[in-house]
Amino acid sequence: MTRPSLPNPLEPVGHRRDGRPIYPIGASPEDDSNKPEGDGGAAGGTVTQEDLSRLLAREKTHGGRTP
């Protein structure tokens, strides 16, 4: 039984909507290309109370949470 070969870490596996490449290697917090841009949440990975309420209401209408 053989394992499938891993992708070349120097070649992008795809591109984001804004055109930035997606590489198959781990993300580093020091790498500026890994920082979210306009993701709708507040800075630092926090979520505002308004956004949290909206997300929880959406989960409730869809029948539950997903991991």
N, C-alpha and C. Protein backbone atom coordinates (compact mmCIF):
# COMPACT_ATOMS: atom_id res chain seq x y z
N MET A 1 0.84 -1.17 0.00
CA MET A 1 0.00 0.00 0.00
C MET A 1 0.89 1.24 0.00
N THR A 2 0.67 2.12 -0.95
CA THR A 2 1.49 3.33 -1.03
C THR A 2 0.67 4.56 -0.66
N ARG A 3 1.37 5.52 -0.12
CA ARG A 3 0.71 6.78 0.22
C ARG A 3 0.78 7.72 -0.98
N PRO A 4 -0.24 8.54 -1.15
CA PRO A 4 -0.18 9.50 -2.25
C PRO A 4 0.92 10.53 -1.99
N SER A 5 1.53 11.00 -3.06
CA SER A 5 2.61 11.97 -2.89
C SER A 5 2.05 13.31 -2.43
N LEU A 6 2.84 14.01 -1.66
CA LEU A 6 2.44 15.32 -1.16
C LEU A 6 2.69 16.38 -2.23
N PRO A 7 1.92 17.45 -2.21
CA PRO A 7 2.13 18.51 -3.20
C PRO A 7 3.44 19.25 -2.94
N ASN A 8 3.99 19.84 -3.99
CA ASN A 8 5.20 20.62 -3.87
C ASN A 8 4.90 21.87 -3.04
N PRO A 9 5.61 22.09 -1.91
CA PRO A 9 5.29 23.23 -1.05
C PRO A 9 5.62 24.59 -1.68
N LEU A 10 6.33 24.60 -2.79
CA LEU A 10 6.68 25.87 -3.43
C LEU A 10 5.69 26.26 -4.53
N GLU A 11 4.75 25.37 -4.85
CA GLU A 11 3.75 25.66 -5.87
C GLU A 11 2.40 25.86 -5.21
N PRO A 12 1.68 26.91 -5.57
CA PRO A 12 0.36 27.13 -4.97
C PRO A 12 -0.62 26.04 -5.37
N VAL A 13 -1.49 25.66 -4.42
CA VAL A 13 -2.52 24.67 -4.71
C VAL A 13 -3.81 25.34 -5.17
N GLY A 14 -3.84 26.64 -5.10
CA GLY A 14 -5.01 27.41 -5.53
C GLY A 14 -4.77 28.88 -5.28
N HIS A 15 -5.80 29.66 -5.54
CA HIS A 15 -5.70 31.10 -5.32
C HIS A 15 -6.95 31.60 -4.62
N ARG A 16 -6.76 32.60 -3.76
CA ARG A 16 -7.89 33.22 -3.07
C ARG A 16 -8.64 34.12 -4.03
N ARG A 17 -9.80 34.60 -3.61
CA ARG A 17 -10.60 35.48 -4.47
C ARG A 17 -9.85 36.74 -4.85
N ASP A 18 -8.98 37.21 -3.95
CA ASP A 18 -8.23 38.43 -4.25
C ASP A 18 -6.95 38.16 -5.03
N GLY A 19 -6.72 36.91 -5.42
CA GLY A 19 -5.59 36.57 -6.27
C GLY A 19 -4.35 36.06 -5.55
N ARG A 20 -4.33 36.14 -4.20
CA ARG A 20 -3.16 35.65 -3.47
C ARG A 20 -3.10 34.13 -3.56
N PRO A 21 -1.88 33.56 -3.68
CA PRO A 21 -1.74 32.11 -3.78
C PRO A 21 -1.98 31.41 -2.44
N ILE A 22 -2.41 30.15 -2.51
CA ILE A 22 -2.58 29.30 -1.33
C ILE A 22 -1.54 28.19 -1.44
N TYR A 23 -0.62 28.15 -0.47
CA TYR A 23 0.43 27.14 -0.47
C TYR A 23 0.06 26.00 0.46
N PRO A 24 0.51 24.76 0.18
CA PRO A 24 0.12 23.61 0.99
C PRO A 24 0.93 23.43 2.26
N ILE A 25 1.61 24.46 2.73
CA ILE A 25 2.40 24.35 3.94
C ILE A 25 1.71 25.10 5.08
N GLY A 26 2.13 24.85 6.30
CA GLY A 26 1.50 25.46 7.47
C GLY A 26 1.55 26.97 7.46
N ALA A 27 0.59 27.56 8.12
CA ALA A 27 0.50 29.02 8.19
C ALA A 27 1.30 29.53 9.38
N SER A 28 2.04 30.58 9.16
CA SER A 28 2.81 31.20 10.21
C SER A 28 2.16 32.52 10.60
N PRO A 29 1.99 32.79 11.89
CA PRO A 29 1.38 34.06 12.28
C PRO A 29 2.25 35.27 11.91
N GLU A 30 3.55 35.04 11.69
CA GLU A 30 4.43 36.14 11.31
C GLU A 30 4.33 36.48 9.82
N ASP A 31 3.75 35.59 9.02
CA ASP A 31 3.64 35.81 7.58
C ASP A 31 2.48 36.74 7.28
N ASP A 32 2.77 37.90 6.68
CA ASP A 32 1.74 38.89 6.39
C ASP A 32 0.68 38.37 5.42
N SER A 33 1.02 37.41 4.57
CA SER A 33 0.04 36.90 3.62
C SER A 33 -1.02 36.03 4.29
N ASN A 34 -0.81 35.64 5.55
CA ASN A 34 -1.77 34.81 6.27
C ASN A 34 -2.73 35.62 7.13
N LYS A 35 -2.58 36.93 7.15
CA LYS A 35 -3.45 37.77 7.95
C LYS A 35 -4.80 37.96 7.25
N PRO A 36 -5.91 37.82 7.97
CA PRO A 36 -7.22 38.00 7.34
C PRO A 36 -7.43 39.45 6.94
N GLU A 37 -8.12 39.64 5.82
CA GLU A 37 -8.41 40.98 5.35
C GLU A 37 -9.91 41.12 5.16
N GLY A 38 -10.54 41.92 5.99
CA GLY A 38 -11.96 42.17 5.84
C GLY A 38 -12.82 40.93 5.99
N ASP A 39 -12.53 40.11 7.00
CA ASP A 39 -13.28 38.87 7.19
C ASP A 39 -14.59 39.09 7.93
N GLY A 40 -14.89 40.32 8.31
CA GLY A 40 -16.14 40.60 8.98
C GLY A 40 -16.05 40.59 10.49
N GLY A 41 -15.01 40.02 11.06
CA GLY A 41 -14.86 40.00 12.50
C GLY A 41 -13.98 41.14 12.96
N ALA A 42 -13.93 41.34 14.25
CA ALA A 42 -13.07 42.37 14.80
C ALA A 42 -11.62 41.89 14.81
N ALA A 43 -10.69 42.80 15.02
CA ALA A 43 -9.27 42.46 14.99
C ALA A 43 -8.93 41.51 16.14
N GLY A 44 -7.91 40.68 15.95
CA GLY A 44 -7.44 39.79 17.00
C GLY A 44 -8.24 38.51 17.14
N GLY A 45 -9.09 38.20 16.19
CA GLY A 45 -9.86 36.97 16.25
C GLY A 45 -11.06 37.05 17.16
N THR A 46 -11.42 38.24 17.63
CA THR A 46 -12.59 38.37 18.49
C THR A 46 -13.83 38.62 17.64
N VAL A 47 -14.97 38.35 18.23
CA VAL A 47 -16.24 38.54 17.54
C VAL A 47 -17.06 39.52 18.36
N THR A 48 -17.67 40.48 17.72
CA THR A 48 -18.51 41.43 18.44
C THR A 48 -19.78 40.74 18.92
N GLN A 49 -20.42 41.32 19.93
CA GLN A 49 -21.65 40.74 20.46
C GLN A 49 -22.73 40.67 19.38
N GLU A 50 -22.79 41.69 18.54
CA GLU A 50 -23.78 41.71 17.46
C GLU A 50 -23.54 40.57 16.47
N ASP A 51 -22.27 40.37 16.07
CA ASP A 51 -21.95 39.28 15.15
C ASP A 51 -22.23 37.92 15.79
N LEU A 52 -21.91 37.78 17.07
CA LEU A 52 -22.15 36.52 17.77
C LEU A 52 -23.64 36.21 17.82
N SER A 53 -24.45 37.20 18.13
CA SER A 53 -25.90 36.99 18.18
C SER A 53 -26.43 36.58 16.81
N ARG A 54 -25.93 37.22 15.77
CA ARG A 54 -26.38 36.90 14.41
C ARG A 54 -25.98 35.47 14.03
N LEU A 55 -24.74 35.08 14.37
CA LEU A 55 -24.27 33.73 14.04
C LEU A 55 -25.04 32.66 14.81
N LEU A 56 -25.30 32.92 16.09
CA LEU A 56 -26.05 31.95 16.88
C LEU A 56 -27.49 31.82 16.38
N ALA A 57 -28.09 32.93 15.97
CA ALA A 57 -29.44 32.87 15.41
C ALA A 57 -29.45 32.06 14.12
N ARG A 58 -28.42 32.23 13.31
CA ARG A 58 -28.33 31.46 12.06
C ARG A 58 -28.20 29.98 12.36
N GLU A 59 -27.35 29.62 13.36
CA GLU A 59 -27.20 28.21 13.72
C GLU A 59 -28.52 27.63 14.21
N LYS A 60 -29.25 28.41 14.99
CA LYS A 60 -30.52 27.93 15.52
C LYS A 60 -31.51 27.65 14.40
N THR A 61 -31.56 28.51 13.40
CA THR A 61 -32.49 28.30 12.29
C THR A 61 -32.06 27.14 11.40
N HIS A 62 -30.76 26.83 11.39
CA HIS A 62 -30.28 25.74 10.55
C HIS A 62 -30.29 24.40 11.28
N GLY A 63 -30.67 24.39 12.55
CA GLY A 63 -30.87 23.13 13.25
C GLY A 63 -29.71 22.64 14.09
N GLY A 64 -28.72 23.44 14.35
CA GLY A 64 -27.67 23.01 15.25
C GLY A 64 -26.30 23.49 14.83
N ARG A 65 -25.38 23.22 15.69
CA ARG A 65 -24.01 23.64 15.45
C ARG A 65 -23.25 22.56 14.71
N THR A 66 -22.24 23.00 13.96
CA THR A 66 -21.34 22.05 13.28
C THR A 66 -19.95 22.24 13.84
N PRO A 67 -19.19 21.18 13.99
CA PRO A 67 -17.84 21.30 14.57
C PRO A 67 -16.89 22.02 13.66
